[in-house]
């Protein structure tokens, strides 16, 4: 393969991001970063020791896709994109994100979504 993988971070899809974040904080996780739209938190990155996870607000109405997305840090996201893009189902093509990552998203044969990203800018605190 063309890129080395770093940590794997699950992103859980939830209907209520605030309640989920509060629950993880209550068991010792620290909120490292959040993203808000229209005054509501819809994404958060939390850590406790070496464990990390992301909380992602999603529509969980009947028929909506739920579950866990996996996010993998890599050291050369462009090389990995070039290697994989024509051999997999692409959910989102490679792009520079507002949260300081360059990433892309693919689906495995079961519909599990995997994101691969490389930091391009230090997120603003």
PDB file of N, CA and C in Angstrom:
ATOM      1  N   UNK A   1       0.845  -1.188   0.000  1.00  0.00           N
ATOM      2  CA  UNK A   1       0.000   0.000   0.000  1.00  0.00           C
ATOM      3  C   UNK A   1       0.883   1.241   0.000  1.00  0.00           C
ATOM      4  N   UNK A   2       0.270   2.343  -0.321  1.00  0.00           N
ATOM      5  CA  UNK A   2       1.002   3.573  -0.538  1.00  0.00           C
ATOM      6  C   UNK A   2       1.065   4.514   0.663  1.00  0.00           C
ATOM      7  N   UNK A   3       0.363   4.236   1.732  1.00  0.00           N
ATOM      8  CA  UNK A   3       0.358   5.127   2.902  1.00  0.00           C
ATOM      9  C   UNK A   3       0.366   4.294   4.167  1.00  0.00           C
ATOM     10  N   UNK A   4       1.035   4.807   5.184  1.00  0.00           N
ATOM     11  CA  UNK A   4       1.020   4.156   6.486  1.00  0.00           C
ATOM     12  C   UNK A   4      -0.186   4.638   7.269  1.00  0.00           C
ATOM     13  N   UNK A   5      -0.845   3.704   7.959  1.00  0.00           N
ATOM     14  CA  UNK A   5      -2.011   4.040   8.762  1.00  0.00           C
ATOM     15  C   UNK A   5      -1.575   4.410  10.165  1.00  0.00           C
ATOM     16  N   UNK A   6      -2.252   5.403  10.745  1.00  0.00           N
ATOM     17  CA  UNK A   6      -2.068   5.780  12.132  1.00  0.00           C
ATOM     18  C   UNK A   6      -3.219   5.220  12.947  1.00  0.00           C
ATOM     19  N   UNK A   7      -3.771   6.036  13.821  1.00  0.00           N
ATOM     20  CA  UNK A   7      -4.841   5.556  14.692  1.00  0.00           C
ATOM     21  C   UNK A   7      -6.153   5.408  13.940  1.00  0.00           C
ATOM     22  N   UNK A   8      -6.990   4.508  14.435  1.00  0.00           N
ATOM     23  CA  UNK A   8      -8.330   4.273  13.926  1.00  0.00           C
ATOM     24  C   UNK A   8      -9.300   4.858  14.939  1.00  0.00           C
ATOM     25  N   UNK A   9     -10.176   5.757  14.490  1.00  0.00           N
ATOM     26  CA  UNK A   9     -11.107   6.433  15.379  1.00  0.00           C
ATOM     27  C   UNK A   9     -12.541   6.160  14.941  1.00  0.00           C
ATOM     28  N   UNK A  10     -13.349   5.496  15.774  1.00  0.00           N
ATOM     29  CA  UNK A  10     -14.753   5.295  15.412  1.00  0.00           C
ATOM     30  C   UNK A  10     -15.525   6.611  15.510  1.00  0.00           C
ATOM     31  N   UNK A  11     -16.492   6.784  14.621  1.00  0.00           N
ATOM     32  CA  UNK A  11     -17.398   7.919  14.668  1.00  0.00           C
ATOM     33  C   UNK A  11     -18.803   7.349  14.795  1.00  0.00           C
ATOM     34  N   UNK A  12     -19.413   7.564  15.963  1.00  0.00           N
ATOM     35  CA  UNK A  12     -20.739   7.019  16.189  1.00  0.00           C
ATOM     36  C   UNK A  12     -21.793   8.032  15.755  1.00  0.00           C
ATOM     37  N   UNK A  13     -22.784   7.553  15.024  1.00  0.00           N
ATOM     38  CA  UNK A  13     -23.877   8.389  14.553  1.00  0.00           C
ATOM     39  C   UNK A  13     -25.001   8.356  15.576  1.00  0.00           C
ATOM     40  N   UNK A  14     -25.446   9.540  15.993  1.00  0.00           N
ATOM     41  CA  UNK A  14     -26.425   9.642  17.072  1.00  0.00           C
ATOM     42  C   UNK A  14     -27.485  10.687  16.737  1.00  0.00           C
ATOM     43  N   UNK A  15     -28.661  10.560  17.353  1.00  0.00           N
ATOM     44  CA  UNK A  15     -29.729  11.537  17.165  1.00  0.00           C
ATOM     45  C   UNK A  15     -29.504  12.779  18.027  1.00  0.00           C
ATOM     46  N   UNK A  16     -28.926  12.595  19.224  1.00  0.00           N
ATOM     47  CA  UNK A  16     -28.733  13.696  20.169  1.00  0.00           C
ATOM     48  C   UNK A  16     -27.258  13.799  20.534  1.00  0.00           C
ATOM     49  N   UNK A  17     -26.549  14.680  19.849  1.00  0.00           N
ATOM     50  CA  UNK A  17     -25.106  14.815  20.081  1.00  0.00           C
ATOM     51  C   UNK A  17     -24.816  15.317  21.492  1.00  0.00           C
ATOM     52  N   UNK A  18     -25.560  16.313  21.965  1.00  0.00           N
ATOM     53  CA  UNK A  18     -25.295  16.879  23.290  1.00  0.00           C
ATOM     54  C   UNK A  18     -25.413  15.829  24.390  1.00  0.00           C
ATOM     55  N   UNK A  19     -26.489  15.035  24.369  1.00  0.00           N
ATOM     56  CA  UNK A  19     -26.678  14.006  25.399  1.00  0.00           C
ATOM     57  C   UNK A  19     -25.582  12.954  25.324  1.00  0.00           C
ATOM     58  N   UNK A  20     -25.183  12.601  24.111  1.00  0.00           N
ATOM     59  CA  UNK A  20     -24.138  11.588  23.948  1.00  0.00           C
ATOM     60  C   UNK A  20     -22.800  12.115  24.452  1.00  0.00           C
ATOM     61  N   UNK A  21     -22.483  13.358  24.108  1.00  0.00           N
ATOM     62  CA  UNK A  21     -21.239  13.974  24.584  1.00  0.00           C
ATOM     63  C   UNK A  21     -21.240  14.033  26.099  1.00  0.00           C
ATOM     64  N   UNK A  22     -22.343  14.476  26.686  1.00  0.00           N
ATOM     65  CA  UNK A  22     -22.435  14.539  28.150  1.00  0.00           C
ATOM     66  C   UNK A  22     -22.201  13.176  28.780  1.00  0.00           C
ATOM     67  N   UNK A  23     -22.746  12.120  28.184  1.00  0.00           N
ATOM     68  CA  UNK A  23     -22.574  10.783  28.734  1.00  0.00           C
ATOM     69  C   UNK A  23     -21.101  10.375  28.703  1.00  0.00           C
ATOM     70  N   UNK A  24     -20.434  10.597  27.586  1.00  0.00           N
ATOM     71  CA  UNK A  24     -19.011  10.234  27.496  1.00  0.00           C
ATOM     72  C   UNK A  24     -18.163  11.069  28.451  1.00  0.00           C
ATOM     73  N   UNK A  25     -18.490  12.342  28.621  1.00  0.00           N
ATOM     74  CA  UNK A  25     -17.782  13.172  29.600  1.00  0.00           C
ATOM     75  C   UNK A  25     -17.993  12.615  31.001  1.00  0.00           C
ATOM     76  N   UNK A  26     -19.192  12.110  31.292  1.00  0.00           N
ATOM     77  CA  UNK A  26     -19.484  11.574  32.625  1.00  0.00           C
ATOM     78  C   UNK A  26     -18.673  10.329  32.949  1.00  0.00           C
ATOM     79  N   UNK A  27     -18.166   9.643  31.936  1.00  0.00           N
ATOM     80  CA  UNK A  27     -17.329   8.468  32.204  1.00  0.00           C
ATOM     81  C   UNK A  27     -15.847   8.758  31.963  1.00  0.00           C
ATOM     82  N   UNK A  28     -15.503  10.053  31.920  1.00  0.00           N
ATOM     83  CA  UNK A  28     -14.103  10.433  31.922  1.00  0.00           C
ATOM     84  C   UNK A  28     -13.497  10.895  30.611  1.00  0.00           C
ATOM     85  N   UNK A  29     -14.281  10.953  29.537  1.00  0.00           N
ATOM     86  CA  UNK A  29     -13.739  11.469  28.275  1.00  0.00           C
ATOM     87  C   UNK A  29     -13.678  12.994  28.331  1.00  0.00           C
ATOM     88  N   UNK A  30     -12.730  13.563  27.610  1.00  0.00           N
ATOM     89  CA  UNK A  30     -12.580  15.009  27.501  1.00  0.00           C
ATOM     90  C   UNK A  30     -12.954  15.438  26.085  1.00  0.00           C
ATOM     91  N   UNK A  31     -13.718  16.516  25.989  1.00  0.00           N
ATOM     92  CA  UNK A  31     -14.069  17.059  24.678  1.00  0.00           C
ATOM     93  C   UNK A  31     -12.863  17.837  24.162  1.00  0.00           C
ATOM     94  N   UNK A  32     -12.329  17.396  23.026  1.00  0.00           N
ATOM     95  CA  UNK A  32     -11.164  18.036  22.430  1.00  0.00           C
ATOM     96  C   UNK A  32     -11.589  19.093  21.421  1.00  0.00           C
ATOM     97  N   UNK A  33     -12.627  18.817  20.659  1.00  0.00           N
ATOM     98  CA  UNK A  33     -13.082  19.753  19.636  1.00  0.00           C
ATOM     99  C   UNK A  33     -14.547  19.486  19.328  1.00  0.00           C
ATOM    100  N   UNK A  34     -15.252  20.532  18.900  1.00  0.00           N
ATOM    101  CA  UNK A  34     -16.638  20.393  18.465  1.00  0.00           C
ATOM    102  C   UNK A  34     -16.856  21.241  17.220  1.00  0.00           C
ATOM    103  N   UNK A  35     -17.930  20.929  16.512  1.00  0.00           N
ATOM    104  CA  UNK A  35     -18.368  21.733  15.380  1.00  0.00           C
ATOM    105  C   UNK A  35     -19.856  21.975  15.545  1.00  0.00           C
ATOM    106  N   UNK A  36     -20.265  23.220  15.358  1.00  0.00           N
ATOM    107  CA  UNK A  36     -21.673  23.591  15.513  1.00  0.00           C
ATOM    108  C   UNK A  36     -22.222  24.137  14.207  1.00  0.00           C
ATOM    109  N   UNK A  37     -23.496  23.880  13.985  1.00  0.00           N
ATOM    110  CA  UNK A  37     -24.257  24.503  12.907  1.00  0.00           C
ATOM    111  C   UNK A  37     -25.544  25.024  13.513  1.00  0.00           C
ATOM    112  N   UNK A  38     -25.860  26.265  13.223  1.00  0.00           N
ATOM    113  CA  UNK A  38     -27.085  26.890  13.709  1.00  0.00           C
ATOM    114  C   UNK A  38     -27.240  26.751  15.218  1.00  0.00           C
ATOM    115  N   UNK A  39     -26.133  26.907  15.938  1.00  0.00           N
ATOM    116  CA  UNK A  39     -26.158  26.881  17.389  1.00  0.00           C
ATOM    117  C   UNK A  39     -26.232  25.508  18.029  1.00  0.00           C
ATOM    118  N   UNK A  40     -26.197  24.441  17.226  1.00  0.00           N
ATOM    119  CA  UNK A  40     -26.258  23.079  17.767  1.00  0.00           C
ATOM    120  C   UNK A  40     -24.966  22.337  17.470  1.00  0.00           C
ATOM    121  N   UNK A  41     -24.458  21.619  18.471  1.00  0.00           N
ATOM    122  CA  UNK A  41     -23.294  20.764  18.255  1.00  0.00           C
ATOM    123  C   UNK A  41     -23.742  19.587  17.399  1.00  0.00           C
ATOM    124  N   UNK A  42     -23.056  19.388  16.284  1.00  0.00           N
ATOM    125  CA  UNK A  42     -23.392  18.219  15.467  1.00  0.00           C
ATOM    126  C   UNK A  42     -22.207  17.300  15.250  1.00  0.00           C
ATOM    127  N   UNK A  43     -21.058  17.634  15.824  1.00  0.00           N
ATOM    128  CA  UNK A  43     -19.882  16.771  15.757  1.00  0.00           C
ATOM    129  C   UNK A  43     -18.977  17.095  16.925  1.00  0.00           C
ATOM    130  N   UNK A  44     -18.341  16.067  17.470  1.00  0.00           N
ATOM    131  CA  UNK A  44     -17.374  16.276  18.552  1.00  0.00           C
ATOM    132  C   UNK A  44     -16.297  15.203  18.495  1.00  0.00           C
ATOM    133  N   UNK A  45     -15.107  15.585  18.928  1.00  0.00           N
ATOM    134  CA  UNK A  45     -13.977  14.662  19.064  1.00  0.00           C
ATOM    135  C   UNK A  45     -13.655  14.588  20.546  1.00  0.00           C
ATOM    136  N   UNK A  46     -13.643  13.363  21.090  1.00  0.00           N
ATOM    137  CA  UNK A  46     -13.400  13.156  22.511  1.00  0.00           C
ATOM    138  C   UNK A  46     -12.251  12.177  22.708  1.00  0.00           C
ATOM    139  N   UNK A  47     -11.526  12.338  23.825  1.00  0.00           N
ATOM    140  CA  UNK A  47     -10.426  11.424  24.151  1.00  0.00           C
ATOM    141  C   UNK A  47     -10.425  11.123  25.634  1.00  0.00           C
ATOM    142  N   UNK A  48      -9.941   9.947  25.937  1.00  0.00           N
ATOM    143  CA  UNK A  48      -9.606   9.577  27.308  1.00  0.00           C
ATOM    144  C   UNK A  48      -8.376   8.693  27.209  1.00  0.00           C
ATOM    145  N   UNK A  49      -7.255   9.194  27.694  1.00  0.00           N
ATOM    146  CA  UNK A  49      -6.000   8.456  27.528  1.00  0.00           C
ATOM    147  C   UNK A  49      -5.724   8.254  26.051  1.00  0.00           C
ATOM    148  N   UNK A  50      -5.463   6.999  25.662  1.00  0.00           N
ATOM    149  CA  UNK A  50      -5.202   6.676  24.264  1.00  0.00           C
ATOM    150  C   UNK A  50      -6.445   6.381  23.459  1.00  0.00           C
ATOM    151  N   UNK A  51      -7.626   6.408  24.092  1.00  0.00           N
ATOM    152  CA  UNK A  51      -8.878   6.111  23.387  1.00  0.00           C
ATOM    153  C   UNK A  51      -9.488   7.402  22.841  1.00  0.00           C
ATOM    154  N   UNK A  52      -9.971   7.328  21.605  1.00  0.00           N
ATOM    155  CA  UNK A  52     -10.599   8.494  20.978  1.00  0.00           C
ATOM    156  C   UNK A  52     -11.849   8.044  20.241  1.00  0.00           C
ATOM    157  N   UNK A  53     -12.812   8.955  20.122  1.00  0.00           N
ATOM    158  CA  UNK A  53     -13.995   8.696  19.316  1.00  0.00           C
ATOM    159  C   UNK A  53     -14.577  10.021  18.870  1.00  0.00           C
ATOM    160  N   UNK A  54     -15.378   9.934  17.818  1.00  0.00           N
ATOM    161  CA  UNK A  54     -16.098  11.099  17.332  1.00  0.00           C
ATOM    162  C   UNK A  54     -17.592  10.812  17.465  1.00  0.00           C
ATOM    163  N   UNK A  55     -18.344  11.849  17.778  1.00  0.00           N
ATOM    164  CA  UNK A  55     -19.794  11.788  17.848  1.00  0.00           C
ATOM    165  C   UNK A  55     -20.314  12.623  16.682  1.00  0.00           C
ATOM    166  N   UNK A  56     -21.229  12.061  15.906  1.00  0.00           N
ATOM    167  CA  UNK A  56     -21.725  12.711  14.703  1.00  0.00           C
ATOM    168  C   UNK A  56     -23.254  12.695  14.708  1.00  0.00           C
ATOM    169  N   UNK A  57     -23.873  13.877  14.746  1.00  0.00           N
ATOM    170  CA  UNK A  57     -25.330  13.952  14.761  1.00  0.00           C
ATOM    171  C   UNK A  57     -25.869  13.579  13.388  1.00  0.00           C
ATOM    172  N   UNK A  58     -26.826  12.646  13.384  1.00  0.00           N
ATOM    173  CA  UNK A  58     -27.431  12.155  12.137  1.00  0.00           C
ATOM    174  C   UNK A  58     -28.931  12.020  12.295  1.00  0.00           C
ATOM    175  N   UNK A  59     -29.608  12.038  11.180  1.00  0.00           N
ATOM    176  CA  UNK A  59     -31.040  11.744  11.142  1.00  0.00           C
ATOM    177  C   UNK A  59     -31.202  10.245  11.383  1.00  0.00           C
ATOM    178  N   UNK A  60     -31.850   9.882  12.447  1.00  0.00           N
ATOM    179  CA  UNK A  60     -32.040   8.470  12.779  1.00  0.00           C
ATOM    180  C   UNK A  60     -33.499   8.055  12.613  1.00  0.00           C
ATOM    181  N   UNK A  61     -34.211   8.744  11.730  1.00  0.00           N
ATOM    182  CA  UNK A  61     -35.594   8.358  11.447  1.00  0.00           C
ATOM    183  C   UNK A  61     -35.608   7.016  10.721  1.00  0.00           C
ATOM    184  N   UNK A  62     -36.755   6.336  10.684  1.00  0.00           N
ATOM    185  CA  UNK A  62     -36.818   5.038  10.006  1.00  0.00           C
ATOM    186  C   UNK A  62     -36.276   5.122   8.578  1.00  0.00           C
ATOM    187  N   UNK A  63     -35.412   4.199   8.244  1.00  0.00           N
ATOM    188  CA  UNK A  63     -34.804   4.161   6.924  1.00  0.00           C
ATOM    189  C   UNK A  63     -33.489   4.908   6.822  1.00  0.00           C
ATOM    190  N   UNK A  64     -33.142   5.694   7.848  1.00  0.00           N
ATOM    191  CA  UNK A  64     -31.878   6.430   7.825  1.00  0.00           C
ATOM    192  C   UNK A  64     -30.720   5.483   8.130  1.00  0.00           C
ATOM    193  N   UNK A  65     -29.576   5.774   7.555  1.00  0.00           N
ATOM    194  CA  UNK A  65     -28.376   4.969   7.826  1.00  0.00           C
ATOM    195  C   UNK A  65     -27.840   5.320   9.200  1.00  0.00           C
ATOM    196  N   UNK A  66     -27.586   4.309  10.007  1.00  0.00           N
ATOM    197  CA  UNK A  66     -27.048   4.510  11.352  1.00  0.00           C
ATOM    198  C   UNK A  66     -25.813   3.646  11.501  1.00  0.00           C
ATOM    199  N   UNK A  67     -25.208   3.711  12.653  1.00  0.00           N
ATOM    200  CA  UNK A  67     -24.073   2.848  12.911  1.00  0.00           C
ATOM    201  C   UNK A  67     -22.822   3.637  13.180  1.00  0.00           C
ATOM    202  N   UNK A  68     -21.714   3.016  12.827  1.00  0.00           N
ATOM    203  CA  UNK A  68     -20.404   3.568  13.118  1.00  0.00           C
ATOM    204  C   UNK A  68     -19.655   3.776  11.812  1.00  0.00           C
ATOM    205  N   UNK A  69     -19.040   4.939  11.690  1.00  0.00           N
ATOM    206  CA  UNK A  69     -18.076   5.179  10.631  1.00  0.00           C
ATOM    207  C   UNK A  69     -16.691   5.052  11.251  1.00  0.00           C
ATOM    208  N   UNK A  70     -15.721   4.633  10.472  1.00  0.00           N
ATOM    209  CA  UNK A  70     -14.356   4.514  10.963  1.00  0.00           C
ATOM    210  C   UNK A  70     -13.491   5.559  10.276  1.00  0.00           C
ATOM    211  N   UNK A  71     -12.666   6.270  11.054  1.00  0.00           N
ATOM    212  CA  UNK A  71     -11.799   7.311  10.518  1.00  0.00           C
ATOM    213  C   UNK A  71     -10.361   6.923  10.817  1.00  0.00           C
ATOM    214  N   UNK A  72      -9.530   6.894   9.776  1.00  0.00           N
ATOM    215  CA  UNK A  72      -8.160   6.412   9.909  1.00  0.00           C
ATOM    216  C   UNK A  72      -7.199   7.515   9.483  1.00  0.00           C
ATOM    217  N   UNK A  73      -6.298   7.895  10.395  1.00  0.00           N
ATOM    218  CA  UNK A  73      -5.238   8.839  10.064  1.00  0.00           C
ATOM    219  C   UNK A  73      -4.210   8.138   9.199  1.00  0.00           C
ATOM    220  N   UNK A  74      -3.764   8.801   8.142  1.00  0.00           N
ATOM    221  CA  UNK A  74      -2.729   8.248   7.271  1.00  0.00           C
ATOM    222  C   UNK A  74      -1.653   9.301   7.045  1.00  0.00           C
ATOM    223  N   UNK A  75      -0.482   8.845   6.614  1.00  0.00           N
ATOM    224  CA  UNK A  75       0.617   9.782   6.417  1.00  0.00           C
ATOM    225  C   UNK A  75       0.730  10.308   4.991  1.00  0.00           C
ATOM    226  N   UNK A  76      -0.023   9.742   4.049  1.00  0.00           N
ATOM    227  CA  UNK A  76      -0.007  10.226   2.663  1.00  0.00           C
ATOM    228  C   UNK A  76      -1.374   9.971   2.044  1.00  0.00           C
ATOM    229  N   UNK A  77      -2.326  10.825   2.371  1.00  0.00           N
ATOM    230  CA  UNK A  77      -3.707  10.616   1.938  1.00  0.00           C
ATOM    231  C   UNK A  77      -3.845  10.699   0.419  1.00  0.00           C
ATOM    232  N   UNK A  78      -3.052  11.530  -0.229  1.00  0.00           N
ATOM    233  CA  UNK A  78      -3.151  11.641  -1.688  1.00  0.00           C
ATOM    234  C   UNK A  78      -2.699  10.360  -2.376  1.00  0.00           C
ATOM    235  N   UNK A  79      -1.639   9.748  -1.893  1.00  0.00           N
ATOM    236  CA  UNK A  79      -1.168   8.488  -2.471  1.00  0.00           C
ATOM    237  C   UNK A  79      -2.195   7.374  -2.244  1.00  0.00           C
ATOM    238  N   UNK A  80      -2.788   7.341  -1.048  1.00  0.00           N
ATOM    239  CA  UNK A  80      -3.796   6.327  -0.765  1.00  0.00           C
ATOM    240  C   UNK A  80      -5.023   6.537  -1.654  1.00  0.00           C
ATOM    241  N   UNK A  81      -5.447   7.770  -1.830  1.00  0.00           N
ATOM    242  CA  UNK A  81      -6.567   8.089  -2.708  1.00  0.00           C
ATOM    243  C   UNK A  81      -6.287   7.591  -4.127  1.00  0.00           C
ATOM    244  N   UNK A  82      -5.104   7.896  -4.629  1.00  0.00           N
ATOM    245  CA  UNK A  82      -4.739   7.465  -5.984  1.00  0.00           C
ATOM    246  C   UNK A  82      -4.779   5.945  -6.099  1.00  0.00           C
ATOM    247  N   UNK A  83      -4.368   5.261  -5.041  1.00  0.00           N
ATOM    248  CA  UNK A  83      -4.331   3.804  -5.046  1.00  0.00           C
ATOM    249  C   UNK A  83      -5.728   3.181  -4.981  1.00  0.00           C
ATOM    250  N   UNK A  84      -6.653   3.788  -4.227  1.00  0.00           N
ATOM    251  CA  UNK A  84      -7.949   3.168  -3.959  1.00  0.00           C
ATOM    252  C   UNK A  84      -9.112   3.656  -4.812  1.00  0.00           C
ATOM    253  N   UNK A  85      -9.104   4.876  -5.277  1.00  0.00           N
ATOM    254  CA  UNK A  85     -10.296   5.526  -5.838  1.00  0.00           C
ATOM    255  C   UNK A  85     -10.971   4.772  -6.971  1.00  0.00           C
ATOM    256  N   UNK A  86     -10.233   4.041  -7.753  1.00  0.00           N
ATOM    257  CA  UNK A  86     -10.832   3.317  -8.877  1.00  0.00           C
ATOM    258  C   UNK A  86     -11.187   1.863  -8.543  1.00  0.00           C
ATOM    259  N   UNK A  87     -10.942   1.452  -7.284  1.00  0.00           N
ATOM    260  CA  UNK A  87     -11.177   0.061  -6.903  1.00  0.00           C
ATOM    261  C   UNK A  87     -12.228  -0.107  -5.826  1.00  0.00           C
ATOM    262  N   UNK A  88     -12.793   1.006  -5.347  1.00  0.00           N
ATOM    263  CA  UNK A  88     -13.732   0.949  -4.226  1.00  0.00           C
ATOM    264  C   UNK A  88     -14.950   1.818  -4.521  1.00  0.00           C
ATOM    265  N   UNK A  89     -15.963   1.703  -3.666  1.00  0.00           N
ATOM    266  CA  UNK A  89     -17.117   2.588  -3.746  1.00  0.00           C
ATOM    267  C   UNK A  89     -16.787   3.856  -2.973  1.00  0.00           C
ATOM    268  N   UNK A  90     -16.738   4.979  -3.667  1.00  0.00           N
ATOM    269  CA  UNK A  90     -16.380   6.260  -3.060  1.00  0.00           C
ATOM    270  C   UNK A  90     -17.648   6.955  -2.572  1.00  0.00           C
ATOM    271  N   UNK A  91     -17.663   7.318  -1.291  1.00  0.00           N
ATOM    272  CA  UNK A  91     -18.770   8.094  -0.725  1.00  0.00           C
ATOM    273  C   UNK A  91     -18.529   9.585  -0.889  1.00  0.00           C
ATOM    274  N   UNK A  92     -17.281   9.993  -0.702  1.00  0.00           N
ATOM    275  CA  UNK A  92     -16.907  11.394  -0.849  1.00  0.00           C
ATOM    276  C   UNK A  92     -15.471  11.458  -1.345  1.00  0.00           C
ATOM    277  N   UNK A  93     -15.256  12.146  -2.461  1.00  0.00           N
ATOM    278  CA  UNK A  93     -13.914  12.268  -3.039  1.00  0.00           C
ATOM    279  C   UNK A  93     -13.008  13.085  -2.126  1.00  0.00           C
ATOM    280  N   UNK A  94     -11.733  12.983  -2.375  1.00  0.00           N
ATOM    281  CA  UNK A  94     -10.747  13.683  -1.546  1.00  0.00           C
ATOM    282  C   UNK A  94     -10.951  15.194  -1.624  1.00  0.00           C
ATOM    283  N   UNK A  95     -10.871  15.823  -0.457  1.00  0.00           N
ATOM    284  CA  UNK A  95     -11.051  17.275  -0.390  1.00  0.00           C
ATOM    285  C   UNK A  95     -10.422  17.808   0.892  1.00  0.00           C
ATOM    286  N   UNK A  96     -10.095  19.087   0.877  1.00  0.00           N
ATOM    287  CA  UNK A  96      -9.613  19.766   2.075  1.00  0.00           C
ATOM    288  C   UNK A  96     -10.826  20.200   2.887  1.00  0.00           C
ATOM    289  N   UNK A  97     -10.837  19.832   4.176  1.00  0.00           N
ATOM    290  CA  UNK A  97     -11.991  20.075   5.027  1.00  0.00           C
ATOM    291  C   UNK A  97     -11.770  21.280   5.934  1.00  0.00           C
ATOM    292  N   UNK A  98     -12.867  21.879   6.376  1.00  0.00           N
ATOM    293  CA  UNK A  98     -12.820  23.024   7.287  1.00  0.00           C
ATOM    294  C   UNK A  98     -12.178  22.662   8.618  1.00  0.00           C
ATOM    295  N   UNK A  99     -12.182  21.387   8.979  1.00  0.00           N
ATOM    296  CA  UNK A  99     -11.652  20.962  10.270  1.00  0.00           C
ATOM    297  C   UNK A  99     -10.167  20.623  10.218  1.00  0.00           C
ATOM    298  N   UNK A 100      -9.491  21.056   9.154  1.00  0.00           N
ATOM    299  CA  UNK A 100      -8.039  20.940   9.105  1.00  0.00           C
ATOM    300  C   UNK A 100      -7.511  19.610   8.613  1.00  0.00           C
ATOM    301  N   UNK A 101      -8.365  18.829   7.972  1.00  0.00           N
ATOM    302  CA  UNK A 101      -7.933  17.544   7.429  1.00  0.00           C
ATOM    303  C   UNK A 101      -8.175  17.530   5.924  1.00  0.00           C
ATOM    304  N   UNK A 102      -7.360  16.769   5.230  1.00  0.00           N
ATOM    305  CA  UNK A 102      -7.611  16.432   3.827  1.00  0.00           C
ATOM    306  C   UNK A 102      -8.037  14.972   3.875  1.00  0.00           C
ATOM    307  N   UNK A 103      -9.263  14.673   3.419  1.00  0.00           N
ATOM    308  CA  UNK A 103      -9.743  13.310   3.575  1.00  0.00           C
ATOM    309  C   UNK A 103     -10.676  12.886   2.456  1.00  0.00           C
ATOM    310  N   UNK A 104     -10.963  11.584   2.452  1.00  0.00           N
ATOM    311  CA  UNK A 104     -11.953  11.005   1.551  1.00  0.00           C
ATOM    312  C   UNK A 104     -12.646   9.879   2.279  1.00  0.00           C
ATOM    313  N   UNK A 105     -13.822   9.482   1.734  1.00  0.00           N
ATOM    314  CA  UNK A 105     -14.664   8.477   2.386  1.00  0.00           C
ATOM    315  C   UNK A 105     -15.041   7.402   1.387  1.00  0.00           C
ATOM    316  N   UNK A 106     -14.977   6.148   1.824  1.00  0.00           N
ATOM    317  CA  UNK A 106     -15.341   5.004   0.986  1.00  0.00           C
ATOM    318  C   UNK A 106     -16.271   4.085   1.774  1.00  0.00           C
ATOM    319  N   UNK A 107     -16.893   3.128   1.075  1.00  0.00           N
ATOM    320  CA  UNK A 107     -17.750   2.140   1.732  1.00  0.00           C
ATOM    321  C   UNK A 107     -17.200   0.748   1.511  1.00  0.00           C
ATOM    322  N   UNK A 108     -17.274  -0.072   2.567  1.00  0.00           N
ATOM    323  CA  UNK A 108     -16.908  -1.476   2.402  1.00  0.00           C
ATOM    324  C   UNK A 108     -18.112  -2.225   1.814  1.00  0.00           C
ATOM    325  N   UNK A 109     -17.969  -3.507   1.506  1.00  0.00           N
ATOM    326  CA  UNK A 109     -19.081  -4.241   0.887  1.00  0.00           C
ATOM    327  C   UNK A 109     -20.351  -4.319   1.738  1.00  0.00           C
ATOM    328  N   UNK A 110     -20.235  -4.050   3.054  1.00  0.00           N
ATOM    329  CA  UNK A 110     -21.390  -4.099   3.943  1.00  0.00           C
ATOM    330  C   UNK A 110     -22.024  -2.739   4.168  1.00  0.00           C
ATOM    331  N   UNK A 111     -21.460  -1.698   3.571  1.00  0.00           N
ATOM    332  CA  UNK A 111     -21.981  -0.354   3.751  1.00  0.00           C
ATOM    333  C   UNK A 111     -21.331   0.425   4.877  1.00  0.00           C
ATOM    334  N   UNK A 112     -20.359  -0.166   5.564  1.00  0.00           N
ATOM    335  CA  UNK A 112     -19.634   0.573   6.590  1.00  0.00           C
ATOM    336  C   UNK A 112     -18.781   1.632   5.894  1.00  0.00           C
ATOM    337  N   UNK A 113     -18.843   2.839   6.414  1.00  0.00           N
ATOM    338  CA  UNK A 113     -18.130   3.957   5.804  1.00  0.00           C
ATOM    339  C   UNK A 113     -16.792   4.152   6.514  1.00  0.00           C
ATOM    340  N   UNK A 114     -15.730   4.249   5.710  1.00  0.00           N
ATOM    341  CA  UNK A 114     -14.386   4.489   6.225  1.00  0.00           C
ATOM    342  C   UNK A 114     -13.873   5.801   5.668  1.00  0.00           C
ATOM    343  N   UNK A 115     -13.352   6.639   6.553  1.00  0.00           N
ATOM    344  CA  UNK A 115     -12.721   7.887   6.139  1.00  0.00           C
ATOM    345  C   UNK A 115     -11.225   7.775   6.346  1.00  0.00           C
ATOM    346  N   UNK A 116     -10.463   8.317   5.419  1.00  0.00           N
ATOM    347  CA  UNK A 116      -9.011   8.351   5.520  1.00  0.00           C
ATOM    348  C   UNK A 116      -8.586   9.799   5.434  1.00  0.00           C
ATOM    349  N   UNK A 117      -7.786  10.266   6.408  1.00  0.00           N
ATOM    350  CA  UNK A 117      -7.430  11.669   6.420  1.00  0.00           C
ATOM    351  C   UNK A 117      -6.035  11.951   6.901  1.00  0.00           C
ATOM    352  N   UNK A 118      -5.557  13.110   6.493  1.00  0.00           N
ATOM    353  CA  UNK A 118      -4.234  13.596   6.881  1.00  0.00           C
ATOM    354  C   UNK A 118      -4.395  15.059   7.294  1.00  0.00           C
ATOM    355  N   UNK A 119      -3.799  15.423   8.413  1.00  0.00           N
ATOM    356  CA  UNK A 119      -3.917  16.798   8.879  1.00  0.00           C
ATOM    357  C   UNK A 119      -3.168  17.719   7.926  1.00  0.00           C
ATOM    358  N   UNK A 120      -3.823  18.815   7.537  1.00  0.00           N
ATOM    359  CA  UNK A 120      -3.197  19.795   6.668  1.00  0.00           C
ATOM    360  C   UNK A 120      -3.046  21.150   7.342  1.00  0.00           C
ATOM    361  N   UNK A 121      -3.790  21.368   8.403  1.00  0.00           N
ATOM    362  CA  UNK A 121      -3.709  22.623   9.137  1.00  0.00           C
ATOM    363  C   UNK A 121      -4.092  22.351  10.572  1.00  0.00           C
ATOM    364  N   UNK A 122      -3.467  23.084  11.456  1.00  0.00           N
ATOM    365  CA  UNK A 122      -3.826  22.917  12.858  1.00  0.00           C
ATOM    366  C   UNK A 122      -5.212  23.508  13.097  1.00  0.00           C
ATOM    367  N   UNK A 123      -6.147  22.703  13.635  1.00  0.00           N
ATOM    368  CA  UNK A 123      -7.491  23.240  13.896  1.00  0.00           C
ATOM    369  C   UNK A 123      -7.442  24.433  14.834  1.00  0.00           C
ATOM    370  N   UNK A 124      -8.311  25.398  14.590  1.00  0.00           N
ATOM    371  CA  UNK A 124      -8.414  26.580  15.431  1.00  0.00           C
ATOM    372  C   UNK A 124      -9.169  26.217  16.698  1.00  0.00           C
ATOM    373  N   UNK A 125      -8.597  26.538  17.847  1.00  0.00           N
ATOM    374  CA  UNK A 125      -9.241  26.179  19.123  1.00  0.00           C
ATOM    375  C   UNK A 125     -10.379  27.102  19.442  1.00  0.00           C
TER     376      UNK A 125
END
